[in-house]
């Protein structure tokens, strides 16, 4: 079993974001698309020993994102069909750092709003 720390090391934010941007136009993702997603990951990350864990994480995080999307729009994290970089980063940080079993209870709209604010503050401190 891959730990969240191992997964984060194998699948950094920039890679996840690239995959997210590739698959977002194809949303909503559904079960018949699993083979296509798996093929994409095995082709793109063929040399990565964590490829299976990465594709599973991506699939499940994307499904959670789709589930939370209406609340994210209401909360202002998505405007005009675009999610802010801070909100993308916050979502990734929250999901990658937790076991998937904890996502439904810990990755909520209020926690995502708070983490996005923290991410924006951190980004501003670095500018």
Protein backbone atom coordinates (compact mmCIF):
# COMPACT_ATOMS: atom_id res chain seq x y z
CA UNK A 1 0.00 0.00 0.00
CA UNK A 2 1.37 3.39 -0.99
CA UNK A 3 1.47 5.98 1.78
CA UNK A 4 0.35 9.56 1.11
CA UNK A 5 3.98 10.73 1.44
CA UNK A 6 5.18 8.17 -1.12
CA UNK A 7 2.40 9.11 -3.49
CA UNK A 8 3.16 12.82 -3.16
CA UNK A 9 6.84 12.17 -3.92
CA UNK A 10 5.94 10.11 -7.00
CA UNK A 11 3.11 12.36 -8.18
CA UNK A 12 3.89 16.04 -7.55
CA UNK A 13 1.38 18.85 -7.95
CA UNK A 14 2.60 19.89 -11.41
CA UNK A 15 2.08 16.38 -12.78
CA UNK A 16 -1.36 16.09 -11.17
CA UNK A 17 -2.33 19.53 -12.52
CA UNK A 18 -1.19 18.57 -16.02
CA UNK A 19 -3.33 15.42 -15.84
CA UNK A 20 -6.26 17.35 -14.37
CA UNK A 21 -6.11 19.87 -17.21
CA UNK A 22 -5.95 17.02 -19.73
CA UNK A 23 -9.04 15.25 -18.35
CA UNK A 24 -11.17 18.22 -17.22
CA UNK A 25 -12.55 18.89 -20.72
CA UNK A 26 -13.68 15.25 -20.83
CA UNK A 27 -15.65 15.52 -17.57
CA UNK A 28 -17.68 13.99 -16.17
CA UNK A 29 -15.50 10.90 -16.00
CA UNK A 30 -17.44 7.67 -15.65
CA UNK A 31 -16.66 3.95 -15.31
CA UNK A 32 -16.54 3.25 -19.08
CA UNK A 33 -13.58 5.65 -19.29
CA UNK A 34 -11.43 3.72 -16.77
CA UNK A 35 -9.54 1.81 -19.50
CA UNK A 36 -8.77 5.06 -21.33
CA UNK A 37 -7.51 6.72 -18.13
CA UNK A 38 -5.41 3.66 -17.26
CA UNK A 39 -3.91 3.58 -20.76
CA UNK A 40 -3.08 7.29 -20.51
CA UNK A 41 -1.32 6.83 -17.16
CA UNK A 42 0.58 3.72 -18.22
CA UNK A 43 1.80 5.50 -21.36
CA UNK A 44 2.70 8.78 -19.66
CA UNK A 45 4.21 7.32 -16.48
CA UNK A 46 5.53 3.99 -17.78
CA UNK A 47 8.80 4.34 -15.87
CA UNK A 48 7.17 5.34 -12.58
CA UNK A 49 6.80 2.45 -10.17
CA UNK A 50 3.84 4.23 -8.55
CA UNK A 51 1.88 4.46 -11.81
CA UNK A 52 -1.04 2.31 -10.59
CA UNK A 53 -1.30 4.26 -7.32
CA UNK A 54 -1.10 7.54 -9.23
CA UNK A 55 -3.90 6.61 -11.62
CA UNK A 56 -6.08 5.42 -8.75
CA UNK A 57 -5.42 8.62 -6.80
CA UNK A 58 -6.14 10.74 -9.86
CA UNK A 59 -9.39 8.94 -10.67
CA UNK A 60 -10.67 9.21 -7.10
CA UNK A 61 -9.53 12.80 -6.59
CA UNK A 62 -11.15 13.81 -9.88
CA UNK A 63 -14.40 12.15 -8.82
CA UNK A 64 -14.28 14.01 -5.50
CA UNK A 65 -13.59 17.26 -7.34
CA UNK A 66 -16.62 16.68 -9.57
CA UNK A 67 -18.72 15.96 -6.46
CA UNK A 68 -17.56 19.16 -4.73
CA UNK A 69 -17.71 21.38 -7.83
CA UNK A 70 -21.19 22.88 -7.24
CA UNK A 71 -20.18 23.87 -3.70
CA UNK A 72 -16.88 25.24 -4.96
CA UNK A 73 -18.76 27.46 -7.41
CA UNK A 74 -21.10 28.66 -4.65
CA UNK A 75 -18.10 29.37 -2.37
CA UNK A 76 -16.39 31.39 -5.11
CA UNK A 77 -13.48 28.98 -5.60
CA UNK A 78 -14.53 28.51 -9.23
CA UNK A 79 -15.46 31.62 -11.19
CA UNK A 80 -16.48 31.78 -14.84
CA UNK A 81 -15.68 28.09 -15.18
CA UNK A 82 -12.10 28.53 -13.92
CA UNK A 83 -10.65 27.34 -10.63
CA UNK A 84 -7.99 29.51 -9.06
CA UNK A 85 -4.44 28.19 -8.81
CA UNK A 86 -4.68 28.54 -5.03
CA UNK A 87 -7.82 26.38 -4.95
CA UNK A 88 -6.24 23.76 -7.24
CA UNK A 89 -3.19 23.63 -5.02
CA UNK A 90 -5.31 23.49 -1.86
CA UNK A 91 -7.40 20.63 -3.24
CA UNK A 92 -4.29 18.68 -4.24
CA UNK A 93 -2.58 19.31 -0.88
CA UNK A 94 -5.64 18.19 1.05
CA UNK A 95 -6.25 15.01 -0.92
CA UNK A 96 -2.62 13.95 -1.38
CA UNK A 97 -1.88 14.27 2.34
CA UNK A 98 -4.80 12.12 3.52
CA UNK A 99 -5.69 8.49 3.01
CA UNK A 100 -8.61 8.27 0.57
CA UNK A 101 -10.87 6.87 3.30
CA UNK A 102 -10.67 10.25 5.07
CA UNK A 103 -11.50 12.41 2.07
CA UNK A 104 -15.29 12.49 2.37
CA UNK A 105 -15.18 13.65 5.98
CA UNK A 106 -12.14 15.95 5.83
CA UNK A 107 -12.18 17.46 2.33
CA UNK A 108 -15.26 19.63 2.59
CA UNK A 109 -16.18 22.98 1.12
CA UNK A 110 -15.45 24.86 4.39
CA UNK A 111 -12.08 23.12 4.79
CA UNK A 112 -11.26 23.73 1.13
CA UNK A 113 -12.14 27.43 1.45
CA UNK A 114 -9.88 27.74 4.53
CA UNK A 115 -7.01 25.86 2.89
CA UNK A 116 -7.37 27.96 -0.28
CA UNK A 117 -7.13 31.13 1.81
CA UNK A 118 -3.99 29.77 3.48
CA UNK A 119 -2.58 28.91 0.04
CA UNK A 120 -3.32 32.41 -1.28
CA UNK A 121 -1.65 33.95 1.78
CA UNK A 122 1.38 31.70 1.26
CA UNK A 123 1.52 32.62 -2.45
CA UNK A 124 1.37 36.33 -1.60
CA UNK A 125 4.17 35.96 0.95
CA UNK A 126 6.35 34.50 -1.82
CA UNK A 127 5.61 37.27 -4.37
